Each structure stands twice: as structure tokens, then as C-alpha cells.
Amino acid sequence: MDVVSEINRLRQEKNAVILSHYYVDAPLQDIADHVGDSLQLAQVAAKTTADVIAFVGVHFMAETAKIINPDKKVLLPAPNAGCSLADSAPADKFRAFKAEYPDHKVISYINCSAELKTMTDVVCTSSNALQIVESFPKNQPLIFAPDRNLGAYLNKLTGRQMLLWDGACMVHEQYSVEKIIKLTEQHPTAEFIAHPECEAPVLLLANHIGSTASLLKYVTQSPAQTFIVATESGILHQMKKACPQKLFIPAPPIDSTCGCNDCFYMKMNTLEKLHSCLQHDAPEIVLPMETIEKARIPIERMLQISEKLTHGI
């Protein structure tokens, strides 16, 4: 069986759209209708006319697509593809934490569960986190969850003192400062770029800090010919496609014999699983309507703020 041909046939037959995150393997990016970061894919999901959304990513991303499109069928090829960052903020514990600070508004990073989003005032992604934070008055106390590294970076940029939930991404916390410094010594003309989920000592070394979409844009515009990249290695596929003449080196993790740092959950997605989910309309994301209605409010607020920023309003 030609899996790619069958996926294309089923996509047409079922009026399905395939959304793939930058972190999945290259063949899954290449077969997608849209490839992007969390903000880009949320924006696409909000506007799609497809009957079926096959979300090639992790669970919280497919949940977000379902929240935005409660009447559409949302499929997740790898149902066990979770997220260490989302798992670091259990809803019951966060609810108790939030109750201690009743005067605080909550900004939650999109990398969290649907239930945590129901306790949120505005969702953000790494692409728009700074703008979301600055949309609140300076005197408004804020809680930022679940990523402490992104939250600390935002506090540094804005001068705020947001309360930070103590969560983190296992991929972005594993980079070795010592190994990165050695790499920069081996490649003295290279630029080091990093995702803001990385720890502060790693970010201090960076020439550019940004979301996956921002990192991709940066390498296309920079005159540099070599880049050391501190984020999940899946993004290198798009970087190589955009700039085949440039060299991209994945930043090394602390404990690994390989030279890259992959998200185990993202790599659970395969072409075979994508074909199976389109063929059988399963696994499907199902959420209680009450959860959808509550979680949709902060997501729509994020999309509205992002839309205003895009159009310069």
C-alpha cells in the first residue's frame, strides 16, 4: 500500500485538513495542508471549512482545535502523545493555587490541558506571549502557567512580577550550556538561537530568542550561514527547506549520545497512524461541552488580540 497516496485519497474523500506541528517528523510535515507553531495552527483551525481535522501533534493541540471547532471531528493520530509541560500543571492543584490569589488574572500558555484553560483569562503562545502580557494594565497582578522559564523570560522583558507556576518542558530544559559554548567555539561565525522555554542560562547565550515560527523567520533573514538551534529538532526540516545553503546544528542536550534533543511525544506520530486515523475516524478528541464553552473564551481572546496585532490595530 502506498500510504501517502491513501492519505491523500482519504483527505479528499472526507474533506479533511491535516495540521502538523514543526516538531513532528519530516514526512508528516511534508504531507500536511498546514505546518506551523501553536499560534499558526490555532489560527488555521479557527478558519477551516474542513469537516475533519487531523492534528499531527500532541494532545493539548488537538484539544485546542476541538475547543475552537466543537461541531467538527478532530482526530489525533497518536492518542498517547502527551506533553510534559501540560502534565506539569494538574488542574486540581492549579485550581487550589489560583484560589490563593483571587485578585490575580491568569495567563496560561497554550501547552496546558483543556481543564486548565477553563481557569484562564487569556491563553497565549510563545509567538504572542509578550503581547498578551502587555495587554493587561501594569497594576494588574498576574499568574502565568505552566512554563516557569517562559514566564521568567516575560518578567524580565516587561519588568513585571507575575506569579509563575512551577512547570517546564522536558525537551527545552535539557540543553547543556557547556556543550553549547563548545559548539560556538567550534563554529565561531554561527549564531545561537533559542526558544524561550529554555532555561535562563541558555537564553543568555542566544543571539535571538523566539517561538519556532520566529526562529524560522530569523534564519531566513539573517546573513549568517550557520546556526545552532535550541528547540526541538523537527524545526530544522523547515529551516533546511527555506535555506538549503545554510548549516543548522541542533543544540546538544546534557545527557545524550546523539547531537539533538527530540520530543518523544511528537515523534509518536507516523504516516501509518495518520492513515489509520483518517481511515477509521479515530482516535477522536471528545470533550464535555461545558469544558469547551469555558475554555473557548480565553482562546478566542488570544485570537482576537493576535488578529489586532497582525493588522496593526
C-alpha atoms as a PDB file:
ATOM      1  CA  MET A   1       0.000   0.000   0.000  1.00  0.00           C
ATOM      2  CA  ASP A   2       1.208   3.495  -0.850  1.00  0.00           C
ATOM      3  CA  VAL A   3       0.492   5.218   2.454  1.00  0.00           C
ATOM      4  CA  VAL A   4       0.925   8.736   1.095  1.00  0.00           C
ATOM      5  CA  SER A   5      -1.488   8.110  -1.792  1.00  0.00           C
ATOM      6  CA  GLU A   6      -4.035   6.600   0.584  1.00  0.00           C
ATOM      7  CA  ILE A   7      -3.767   9.561   2.959  1.00  0.00           C
ATOM      8  CA  ASN A   8      -4.337  11.916   0.039  1.00  0.00           C
ATOM      9  CA  ARG A   9      -7.347   9.897  -1.120  1.00  0.00           C
ATOM     10  CA  LEU A  10      -8.915   9.852   2.351  1.00  0.00           C
ATOM     11  CA  ARG A  11      -8.223  13.553   2.819  1.00  0.00           C
ATOM     12  CA  GLN A  12     -10.236  14.353  -0.303  1.00  0.00           C
ATOM     13  CA  GLU A  13     -12.951  11.804   0.403  1.00  0.00           C
ATOM     14  CA  LYS A  14     -13.622  13.051   3.928  1.00  0.00           C
ATOM     15  CA  ASN A  15     -12.969  16.763   3.372  1.00  0.00           C
ATOM     16  CA  ALA A  16     -10.206  16.571   5.966  1.00  0.00           C
ATOM     17  CA  VAL A  17      -7.457  19.067   6.703  1.00  0.00           C
ATOM     18  CA  ILE A  18      -4.118  17.848   8.047  1.00  0.00           C
ATOM     19  CA  LEU A  19      -2.364  20.165  10.501  1.00  0.00           C
ATOM     20  CA  SER A  20       1.220  19.339  11.507  1.00  0.00           C
ATOM     21  CA  HIS A  21       3.414  20.975  14.099  1.00  0.00           C
ATOM     22  CA  TYR A  22       7.015  21.880  13.290  1.00  0.00           C
ATOM     23  CA  TYR A  23       8.236  19.239  15.750  1.00  0.00           C
ATOM     24  CA  VAL A  24       6.884  16.096  14.038  1.00  0.00           C
ATOM     25  CA  ASP A  25       8.987  14.080  11.601  1.00  0.00           C
ATOM     26  CA  ALA A  26       9.667  15.491   8.134  1.00  0.00           C
ATOM     27  CA  PRO A  27       7.305  13.218   6.121  1.00  0.00           C
ATOM     28  CA  LEU A  28       4.393  14.333   8.295  1.00  0.00           C
ATOM     29  CA  GLN A  29       5.279  17.975   7.769  1.00  0.00           C
ATOM     30  CA  ASP A  30       5.521  17.438   4.021  1.00  0.00           C
ATOM     31  CA  ILE A  31       2.100  15.800   3.721  1.00  0.00           C
ATOM     32  CA  ALA A  32       0.290  18.417   5.826  1.00  0.00           C
ATOM     33  CA  ASP A  33      -2.034  21.082   4.472  1.00  0.00           C
ATOM     34  CA  HIS A  34      -0.588  23.464   7.050  1.00  0.00           C
ATOM     35  CA  VAL A  35       2.631  23.310   9.085  1.00  0.00           C
ATOM     36  CA  GLY A  36       3.182  25.759  11.913  1.00  0.00           C
ATOM     37  CA  ASP A  37       3.639  26.579  15.556  1.00  0.00           C
ATOM     38  CA  SER A  38       0.826  26.526  18.099  1.00  0.00           C
ATOM     39  CA  LEU A  39      -0.467  30.010  17.227  1.00  0.00           C
ATOM     40  CA  GLN A  40      -0.398  29.454  13.475  1.00  0.00           C
ATOM     41  CA  LEU A  41      -2.203  26.133  13.752  1.00  0.00           C
ATOM     42  CA  ALA A  42      -4.799  27.546  16.152  1.00  0.00           C
ATOM     43  CA  GLN A  43      -5.491  30.340  13.673  1.00  0.00           C
ATOM     44  CA  VAL A  44      -5.865  27.849  10.825  1.00  0.00           C
ATOM     45  CA  ALA A  45      -8.141  25.634  12.911  1.00  0.00           C
ATOM     46  CA  ALA A  46     -10.345  28.631  13.693  1.00  0.00           C
ATOM     47  CA  LYS A  47     -10.909  29.347   9.998  1.00  0.00           C
ATOM     48  CA  THR A  48     -11.006  25.909   8.377  1.00  0.00           C
ATOM     49  CA  THR A  49     -14.048  24.792   6.379  1.00  0.00           C
ATOM     50  CA  ALA A  50     -12.999  21.139   6.567  1.00  0.00           C
ATOM     51  CA  ASP A  51     -15.325  18.593   8.156  1.00  0.00           C
ATOM     52  CA  VAL A  52     -12.448  16.689   9.751  1.00  0.00           C
ATOM     53  CA  ILE A  53      -9.251  17.999  11.373  1.00  0.00           C
ATOM     54  CA  ALA A  54      -6.383  15.532  11.651  1.00  0.00           C
ATOM     55  CA  PHE A  55      -3.979  17.126  14.104  1.00  0.00           C
ATOM     56  CA  VAL A  56      -0.473  15.721  13.829  1.00  0.00           C
ATOM     57  CA  GLY A  57       0.966  16.905  17.109  1.00  0.00           C
ATOM     58  CA  VAL A  58       0.252  16.290  20.774  1.00  0.00           C
ATOM     59  CA  HIS A  59      -2.905  16.037  22.826  1.00  0.00           C
ATOM     60  CA  PHE A  60      -3.298  19.635  24.017  1.00  0.00           C
ATOM     61  CA  MET A  61      -3.041  20.882  20.414  1.00  0.00           C
ATOM     62  CA  ALA A  62      -5.836  18.608  19.216  1.00  0.00           C
ATOM     63  CA  GLU A  63      -7.901  19.614  22.259  1.00  0.00           C
ATOM     64  CA  THR A  64      -7.458  23.264  21.302  1.00  0.00           C
ATOM     65  CA  ALA A  65      -8.684  22.538  17.778  1.00  0.00           C
ATOM     66  CA  LYS A  66     -11.750  20.773  19.216  1.00  0.00           C
ATOM     67  CA  ILE A  67     -12.486  23.672  21.561  1.00  0.00           C
ATOM     68  CA  ILE A  68     -12.376  26.076  18.617  1.00  0.00           C
ATOM     69  CA  ASN A  69     -14.435  23.710  16.420  1.00  0.00           C
ATOM     70  CA  PRO A  70     -16.885  21.840  18.669  1.00  0.00           C
ATOM     71  CA  ASP A  71     -19.004  20.714  15.695  1.00  0.00           C
ATOM     72  CA  LYS A  72     -16.088  19.262  13.729  1.00  0.00           C
ATOM     73  CA  LYS A  73     -14.448  15.872  14.080  1.00  0.00           C
ATOM     74  CA  VAL A  74     -10.907  16.274  15.446  1.00  0.00           C
ATOM     75  CA  LEU A  75      -8.568  13.307  15.155  1.00  0.00           C
ATOM     76  CA  LEU A  76      -5.228  12.707  16.890  1.00  0.00           C
ATOM     77  CA  PRO A  77      -3.122  10.055  15.119  1.00  0.00           C
ATOM     78  CA  ALA A  78      -1.109   9.266  18.281  1.00  0.00           C
ATOM     79  CA  PRO A  79      -3.586   9.313  21.200  1.00  0.00           C
ATOM     80  CA  ASN A  80      -0.825   8.795  23.779  1.00  0.00           C
ATOM     81  CA  ALA A  81       1.134  11.810  22.538  1.00  0.00           C
ATOM     82  CA  GLY A  82       1.032  13.920  25.655  1.00  0.00           C
ATOM     83  CA  CYS A  83       3.172  16.862  26.778  1.00  0.00           C
ATOM     84  CA  SER A  84       5.489  17.049  29.770  1.00  0.00           C
ATOM     85  CA  LEU A  85       4.704  20.742  30.174  1.00  0.00           C
ATOM     86  CA  ALA A  86       0.945  20.201  30.193  1.00  0.00           C
ATOM     87  CA  ASP A  87       1.389  17.285  32.595  1.00  0.00           C
ATOM     88  CA  SER A  88       3.350  19.516  34.982  1.00  0.00           C
ATOM     89  CA  ALA A  89       0.184  21.506  35.786  1.00  0.00           C
ATOM     90  CA  PRO A  90      -2.555  19.170  37.086  1.00  0.00           C
ATOM     91  CA  ALA A  91      -5.869  21.020  37.035  1.00  0.00           C
ATOM     92  CA  ASP A  92      -6.802  20.233  40.631  1.00  0.00           C
ATOM     93  CA  LYS A  93      -3.519  21.526  42.009  1.00  0.00           C
ATOM     94  CA  PHE A  94      -3.643  24.625  39.838  1.00  0.00           C
ATOM     95  CA  ARG A  95      -7.214  25.331  40.977  1.00  0.00           C
ATOM     96  CA  ALA A  96      -6.049  25.309  44.606  1.00  0.00           C
ATOM     97  CA  PHE A  97      -3.078  27.542  43.732  1.00  0.00           C
ATOM     98  CA  LYS A  98      -5.274  30.036  41.904  1.00  0.00           C
ATOM     99  CA  ALA A  99      -7.697  30.213  44.844  1.00  0.00           C
ATOM    100  CA  GLU A 100      -4.885  31.621  46.998  1.00  0.00           C
ATOM    101  CA  TYR A 101      -4.654  34.688  44.732  1.00  0.00           C
ATOM    102  CA  PRO A 102      -8.232  35.816  43.986  1.00  0.00           C
ATOM    103  CA  ASP A 103      -7.115  39.255  42.739  1.00  0.00           C
ATOM    104  CA  HIS A 104      -4.853  37.756  40.041  1.00  0.00           C
ATOM    105  CA  LYS A 105      -5.766  37.234  36.400  1.00  0.00           C
ATOM    106  CA  VAL A 106      -4.477  34.065  34.747  1.00  0.00           C
ATOM    107  CA  ILE A 107      -2.493  33.801  31.527  1.00  0.00           C
ATOM    108  CA  SER A 108      -1.985  30.202  30.532  1.00  0.00           C
ATOM    109  CA  TYR A 109       0.433  29.022  27.908  1.00  0.00           C
ATOM    110  CA  ILE A 110      -1.412  27.025  25.267  1.00  0.00           C
ATOM    111  CA  ASN A 111       0.679  23.993  26.290  1.00  0.00           C
ATOM    112  CA  CYS A 112      -1.792  23.016  29.004  1.00  0.00           C
ATOM    113  CA  SER A 113      -4.886  20.875  29.424  1.00  0.00           C
ATOM    114  CA  ALA A 114      -8.377  21.912  28.364  1.00  0.00           C
ATOM    115  CA  GLU A 115      -9.399  21.888  32.032  1.00  0.00           C
ATOM    116  CA  LEU A 116      -6.665  24.342  32.980  1.00  0.00           C
ATOM    117  CA  LYS A 117      -7.776  26.597  30.127  1.00  0.00           C
ATOM    118  CA  THR A 118     -11.207  26.796  31.788  1.00  0.00           C
ATOM    119  CA  MET A 119      -9.496  28.589  34.688  1.00  0.00           C
ATOM    120  CA  THR A 120      -7.734  31.049  32.406  1.00  0.00           C
ATOM    121  CA  ASP A 121      -8.450  34.658  31.444  1.00  0.00           C
ATOM    122  CA  VAL A 122      -6.337  34.640  28.259  1.00  0.00           C
ATOM    123  CA  VAL A 123      -4.346  31.879  26.584  1.00  0.00           C
ATOM    124  CA  CYS A 124      -1.022  32.681  24.919  1.00  0.00           C
ATOM    125  CA  THR A 125       1.578  31.007  22.743  1.00  0.00           C
ATOM    126  CA  SER A 126       5.298  31.705  22.597  1.00  0.00           C
ATOM    127  CA  SER A 127       4.613  33.780  19.468  1.00  0.00           C
ATOM    128  CA  ASN A 128       2.283  36.240  21.203  1.00  0.00           C
ATOM    129  CA  ALA A 129       3.065  35.820  24.916  1.00  0.00           C
ATOM    130  CA  LEU A 130       4.702  39.233  25.269  1.00  0.00           C
ATOM    131  CA  GLN A 131       1.757  40.996  23.615  1.00  0.00           C
ATOM    132  CA  ILE A 132      -0.754  39.067  25.723  1.00  0.00           C
ATOM    133  CA  VAL A 133       1.049  40.018  28.948  1.00  0.00           C
ATOM    134  CA  GLU A 134       1.257  43.661  27.902  1.00  0.00           C
ATOM    135  CA  SER A 135      -2.467  43.723  27.076  1.00  0.00           C
ATOM    136  CA  PHE A 136      -3.098  43.794  30.841  1.00  0.00           C
ATOM    137  CA  PRO A 137      -2.678  47.022  32.852  1.00  0.00           C
ATOM    138  CA  LYS A 138       0.649  47.281  34.642  1.00  0.00           C
ATOM    139  CA  ASN A 139      -1.041  47.244  38.021  1.00  0.00           C
ATOM    140  CA  GLN A 140      -2.996  44.044  37.326  1.00  0.00           C
ATOM    141  CA  PRO A 141      -1.482  41.111  39.270  1.00  0.00           C
ATOM    142  CA  LEU A 142      -0.974  38.099  37.006  1.00  0.00           C
ATOM    143  CA  ILE A 143      -0.414  34.368  37.287  1.00  0.00           C
ATOM    144  CA  PHE A 144       1.469  32.746  34.416  1.00  0.00           C
ATOM    145  CA  ALA A 145       1.221  28.983  33.934  1.00  0.00           C
ATOM    146  CA  PRO A 146       2.517  26.414  33.349  1.00  0.00           C
ATOM    147  CA  ASP A 147       6.013  27.231  31.990  1.00  0.00           C
ATOM    148  CA  ARG A 148       8.286  28.876  34.556  1.00  0.00           C
ATOM    149  CA  ASN A 149      11.056  29.510  32.024  1.00  0.00           C
ATOM    150  CA  LEU A 150       8.846  31.377  29.555  1.00  0.00           C
ATOM    151  CA  GLY A 151       7.224  33.205  32.468  1.00  0.00           C
ATOM    152  CA  ALA A 152      10.596  34.274  33.879  1.00  0.00           C
ATOM    153  CA  TYR A 153      11.687  35.477  30.445  1.00  0.00           C
ATOM    154  CA  LEU A 154       8.496  37.534  30.140  1.00  0.00           C
ATOM    155  CA  ASN A 155       9.008  39.008  33.611  1.00  0.00           C
ATOM    156  CA  LYS A 156      12.487  40.059  32.532  1.00  0.00           C
ATOM    157  CA  LEU A 157      11.207  41.669  29.324  1.00  0.00           C
ATOM    158  CA  THR A 158       8.300  43.508  30.920  1.00  0.00           C
ATOM    159  CA  GLY A 159       9.586  44.281  34.404  1.00  0.00           C
ATOM    160  CA  ARG A 160       6.525  42.575  35.863  1.00  0.00           C
ATOM    161  CA  GLN A 161       6.448  40.161  38.756  1.00  0.00           C
ATOM    162  CA  MET A 162       3.973  37.594  37.527  1.00  0.00           C
ATOM    163  CA  LEU A 163       3.477  34.603  39.802  1.00  0.00           C
ATOM    164  CA  LEU A 164       4.856  31.588  37.966  1.00  0.00           C
ATOM    165  CA  TRP A 165       3.566  28.048  38.132  1.00  0.00           C
ATOM    166  CA  ASP A 166       6.498  25.651  38.560  1.00  0.00           C
ATOM    167  CA  GLY A 167       6.260  23.699  35.297  1.00  0.00           C
ATOM    168  CA  ALA A 168       8.635  23.104  32.406  1.00  0.00           C
ATOM    169  CA  CYS A 169       9.161  21.292  29.102  1.00  0.00           C
ATOM    170  CA  MET A 170      11.460  18.280  29.390  1.00  0.00           C
ATOM    171  CA  VAL A 171      12.930  18.985  25.937  1.00  0.00           C
ATOM    172  CA  HIS A 172      13.814  22.641  26.495  1.00  0.00           C
ATOM    173  CA  GLU A 173      15.202  22.077  29.998  1.00  0.00           C
ATOM    174  CA  GLN A 174      17.788  19.561  28.846  1.00  0.00           C
ATOM    175  CA  TYR A 175      20.199  21.781  26.937  1.00  0.00           C
ATOM    176  CA  SER A 176      23.802  21.874  28.090  1.00  0.00           C
ATOM    177  CA  VAL A 177      25.324  25.346  28.443  1.00  0.00           C
ATOM    178  CA  GLU A 178      28.829  23.856  28.420  1.00  0.00           C
ATOM    179  CA  LYS A 179      28.228  21.892  25.211  1.00  0.00           C
ATOM    180  CA  ILE A 180      26.629  24.897  23.521  1.00  0.00           C
ATOM    181  CA  ILE A 181      29.635  27.063  24.397  1.00  0.00           C
ATOM    182  CA  LYS A 182      31.957  24.414  22.950  1.00  0.00           C
ATOM    183  CA  LEU A 183      29.863  24.321  19.764  1.00  0.00           C
ATOM    184  CA  THR A 184      30.065  28.095  19.394  1.00  0.00           C
ATOM    185  CA  GLU A 185      33.845  27.869  19.795  1.00  0.00           C
ATOM    186  CA  GLN A 186      33.952  25.221  17.048  1.00  0.00           C
ATOM    187  CA  HIS A 187      31.723  27.402  14.833  1.00  0.00           C
ATOM    188  CA  PRO A 188      32.791  30.997  15.629  1.00  0.00           C
ATOM    189  CA  THR A 189      30.638  32.537  12.875  1.00  0.00           C
ATOM    190  CA  ALA A 190      27.491  30.680  13.941  1.00  0.00           C
ATOM    191  CA  GLU A 191      24.520  32.381  15.551  1.00  0.00           C
ATOM    192  CA  PHE A 192      22.886  30.680  18.504  1.00  0.00           C
ATOM    193  CA  ILE A 193      19.062  30.875  18.541  1.00  0.00           C
ATOM    194  CA  ALA A 194      16.767  29.554  21.255  1.00  0.00           C
ATOM    195  CA  HIS A 195      13.148  29.007  22.222  1.00  0.00           C
ATOM    196  CA  PRO A 196      12.023  30.927  25.352  1.00  0.00           C
ATOM    197  CA  GLU A 197      11.059  27.665  27.070  1.00  0.00           C
ATOM    198  CA  CYS A 198      14.807  27.136  27.584  1.00  0.00           C
ATOM    199  CA  GLU A 199      16.346  27.905  30.950  1.00  0.00           C
ATOM    200  CA  ALA A 200      17.749  31.380  31.632  1.00  0.00           C
ATOM    201  CA  PRO A 201      21.476  30.451  31.372  1.00  0.00           C
ATOM    202  CA  VAL A 202      20.829  29.084  27.867  1.00  0.00           C
ATOM    203  CA  LEU A 203      18.859  32.176  26.829  1.00  0.00           C
ATOM    204  CA  LEU A 204      21.710  34.429  27.982  1.00  0.00           C
ATOM    205  CA  LEU A 205      23.868  32.927  25.238  1.00  0.00           C
ATOM    206  CA  ALA A 206      21.342  33.469  22.454  1.00  0.00           C
ATOM    207  CA  ASN A 207      21.628  35.885  19.525  1.00  0.00           C
ATOM    208  CA  HIS A 208      17.881  35.536  19.023  1.00  0.00           C
ATOM    209  CA  ILE A 209      15.079  34.212  21.251  1.00  0.00           C
ATOM    210  CA  GLY A 210      11.675  33.354  19.824  1.00  0.00           C
ATOM    211  CA  SER A 211       8.925  30.882  19.037  1.00  0.00           C
ATOM    212  CA  THR A 212       9.500  28.176  16.446  1.00  0.00           C
ATOM    213  CA  ALA A 213       7.912  30.413  13.798  1.00  0.00           C
ATOM    214  CA  SER A 214      10.120  33.318  14.918  1.00  0.00           C
ATOM    215  CA  LEU A 215      13.251  31.167  14.783  1.00  0.00           C
ATOM    216  CA  LEU A 216      12.354  30.035  11.281  1.00  0.00           C
ATOM    217  CA  LYS A 217      11.797  33.605  10.131  1.00  0.00           C
ATOM    218  CA  TYR A 218      15.052  34.734  11.730  1.00  0.00           C
ATOM    219  CA  VAL A 219      17.264  32.217   9.942  1.00  0.00           C
ATOM    220  CA  THR A 220      15.784  33.216   6.577  1.00  0.00           C
ATOM    221  CA  GLN A 221      16.561  36.889   7.190  1.00  0.00           C
ATOM    222  CA  SER A 222      19.923  36.701   8.955  1.00  0.00           C
ATOM    223  CA  PRO A 223      23.070  36.954   6.819  1.00  0.00           C
ATOM    224  CA  ALA A 224      24.691  34.263   8.976  1.00  0.00           C
ATOM    225  CA  GLN A 225      25.343  30.941   7.257  1.00  0.00           C
ATOM    226  CA  THR A 226      25.500  28.686  10.335  1.00  0.00           C
ATOM    227  CA  PHE A 227      23.029  28.403  13.208  1.00  0.00           C
ATOM    228  CA  ILE A 228      22.986  26.447  16.457  1.00  0.00           C
ATOM    229  CA  VAL A 229      19.329  25.841  17.256  1.00  0.00           C
ATOM    230  CA  ALA A 230      17.963  25.229  20.762  1.00  0.00           C
ATOM    231  CA  THR A 231      14.497  23.849  20.252  1.00  0.00           C
ATOM    232  CA  GLU A 232      13.014  20.519  19.164  1.00  0.00           C
ATOM    233  CA  SER A 233      14.939  19.292  16.137  1.00  0.00           C
ATOM    234  CA  GLY A 234      11.869  18.906  13.911  1.00  0.00           C
ATOM    235  CA  ILE A 235      12.054  22.607  13.027  1.00  0.00           C
ATOM    236  CA  LEU A 236      15.360  22.019  11.244  1.00  0.00           C
ATOM    237  CA  HIS A 237      13.468  20.381   8.365  1.00  0.00           C
ATOM    238  CA  GLN A 238      11.680  23.638   7.557  1.00  0.00           C
ATOM    239  CA  MET A 239      14.865  25.651   8.073  1.00  0.00           C
ATOM    240  CA  LYS A 240      16.748  23.452   5.589  1.00  0.00           C
ATOM    241  CA  LYS A 241      13.894  23.732   3.074  1.00  0.00           C
ATOM    242  CA  ALA A 242      13.851  27.523   3.385  1.00  0.00           C
ATOM    243  CA  CYS A 243      17.655  27.937   3.357  1.00  0.00           C
ATOM    244  CA  PRO A 244      19.292  24.885   1.773  1.00  0.00           C
ATOM    245  CA  GLN A 245      22.629  26.702   1.515  1.00  0.00           C
ATOM    246  CA  LYS A 246      22.859  27.272   5.291  1.00  0.00           C
ATOM    247  CA  LEU A 247      24.027  24.908   8.036  1.00  0.00           C
ATOM    248  CA  PHE A 248      21.762  24.138  11.010  1.00  0.00           C
ATOM    249  CA  ILE A 249      23.165  22.402  14.075  1.00  0.00           C
ATOM    250  CA  PRO A 250      20.827  21.163  16.833  1.00  0.00           C
ATOM    251  CA  ALA A 251      21.899  22.327  20.283  1.00  0.00           C
ATOM    252  CA  PRO A 252      23.068  19.340  22.357  1.00  0.00           C
ATOM    253  CA  PRO A 253      21.267  18.126  25.475  1.00  0.00           C
ATOM    254  CA  ILE A 254      23.020  17.383  28.762  1.00  0.00           C
ATOM    255  CA  ASP A 255      22.690  13.601  28.790  1.00  0.00           C
ATOM    256  CA  SER A 256      22.622  12.098  25.329  1.00  0.00           C
ATOM    257  CA  THR A 257      24.881  10.276  22.944  1.00  0.00           C
ATOM    258  CA  CYS A 258      23.108  11.880  19.985  1.00  0.00           C
ATOM    259  CA  GLY A 259      23.546  15.505  18.939  1.00  0.00           C
ATOM    260  CA  CYS A 260      19.894  16.528  19.069  1.00  0.00           C
ATOM    261  CA  ASN A 261      17.039  16.911  21.516  1.00  0.00           C
ATOM    262  CA  ASP A 262      13.752  15.380  20.364  1.00  0.00           C
ATOM    263  CA  CYS A 263      10.283  15.357  21.884  1.00  0.00           C
ATOM    264  CA  PHE A 264       9.394  11.719  22.446  1.00  0.00           C
ATOM    265  CA  TYR A 265       5.691  12.534  22.253  1.00  0.00           C
ATOM    266  CA  MET A 266       5.876  14.396  18.934  1.00  0.00           C
ATOM    267  CA  LYS A 267       7.823  11.510  17.414  1.00  0.00           C
ATOM    268  CA  MET A 268       4.983   9.100  18.288  1.00  0.00           C
ATOM    269  CA  ASN A 269       3.192  10.393  15.181  1.00  0.00           C
ATOM    270  CA  THR A 270       3.773   8.382  11.990  1.00  0.00           C
ATOM    271  CA  LEU A 271       2.367   8.278   8.461  1.00  0.00           C
ATOM    272  CA  GLU A 272       0.818   4.895   9.258  1.00  0.00           C
ATOM    273  CA  LYS A 273      -1.001   6.291  12.306  1.00  0.00           C
ATOM    274  CA  LEU A 274      -2.209   9.279  10.281  1.00  0.00           C
ATOM    275  CA  HIS A 275      -3.566   6.931   7.612  1.00  0.00           C
ATOM    276  CA  SER A 276      -5.275   4.766  10.222  1.00  0.00           C
ATOM    277  CA  CYS A 277      -6.979   7.687  11.962  1.00  0.00           C
ATOM    278  CA  LEU A 278      -8.323   9.034   8.655  1.00  0.00           C
ATOM    279  CA  GLN A 279      -9.481   5.578   7.626  1.00  0.00           C
ATOM    280  CA  HIS A 280     -11.290   4.790  10.887  1.00  0.00           C
ATOM    281  CA  ASP A 281     -12.188   8.324  12.084  1.00  0.00           C
ATOM    282  CA  ALA A 282     -10.410   7.520  15.313  1.00  0.00           C
ATOM    283  CA  PRO A 283      -8.907   8.245  17.782  1.00  0.00           C
ATOM    284  CA  GLU A 284     -11.240  11.226  18.104  1.00  0.00           C
ATOM    285  CA  ILE A 285     -10.942  14.055  20.611  1.00  0.00           C
ATOM    286  CA  VAL A 286     -14.082  14.252  22.745  1.00  0.00           C
ATOM    287  CA  LEU A 287     -14.560  16.919  25.422  1.00  0.00           C
ATOM    288  CA  PRO A 288     -17.524  17.827  27.647  1.00  0.00           C
ATOM    289  CA  MET A 289     -19.468  20.760  26.211  1.00  0.00           C
ATOM    290  CA  GLU A 290     -19.095  22.662  29.486  1.00  0.00           C
ATOM    291  CA  THR A 291     -15.311  22.392  29.193  1.00  0.00           C
ATOM    292  CA  ILE A 292     -15.416  23.503  25.559  1.00  0.00           C
ATOM    293  CA  GLU A 293     -17.561  26.542  26.331  1.00  0.00           C
ATOM    294  CA  LYS A 294     -15.378  27.701  29.239  1.00  0.00           C
ATOM    295  CA  ALA A 295     -12.034  27.000  27.547  1.00  0.00           C
ATOM    296  CA  ARG A 296     -13.082  28.647  24.314  1.00  0.00           C
ATOM    297  CA  ILE A 297     -13.372  32.109  25.909  1.00  0.00           C
ATOM    298  CA  PRO A 298      -9.650  32.615  26.710  1.00  0.00           C
ATOM    299  CA  ILE A 299      -8.616  31.072  23.370  1.00  0.00           C
ATOM    300  CA  GLU A 300     -10.886  33.447  21.450  1.00  0.00           C
ATOM    301  CA  ARG A 301      -9.481  36.366  23.445  1.00  0.00           C
ATOM    302  CA  MET A 302      -5.989  35.314  22.382  1.00  0.00           C
ATOM    303  CA  LEU A 303      -7.007  35.017  18.738  1.00  0.00           C
ATOM    304  CA  GLN A 304      -8.684  38.421  18.829  1.00  0.00           C
ATOM    305  CA  ILE A 305      -5.581  40.084  20.315  1.00  0.00           C
ATOM    306  CA  SER A 306      -3.361  38.326  17.772  1.00  0.00           C
ATOM    307  CA  GLU A 307      -5.628  39.382  14.913  1.00  0.00           C
ATOM    308  CA  LYS A 308      -5.433  43.016  16.029  1.00  0.00           C
ATOM    309  CA  LEU A 309      -1.649  42.791  16.198  1.00  0.00           C
ATOM    310  CA  THR A 310      -1.467  41.237  12.713  1.00  0.00           C
ATOM    311  CA  HIS A 311      -3.499  44.077  11.222  1.00  0.00           C
ATOM    312  CA  GLY A 312      -1.787  46.782  13.268  1.00  0.00           C
ATOM    313  CA  ILE A 313      -4.936  47.676  15.169  1.00  0.00           C
END
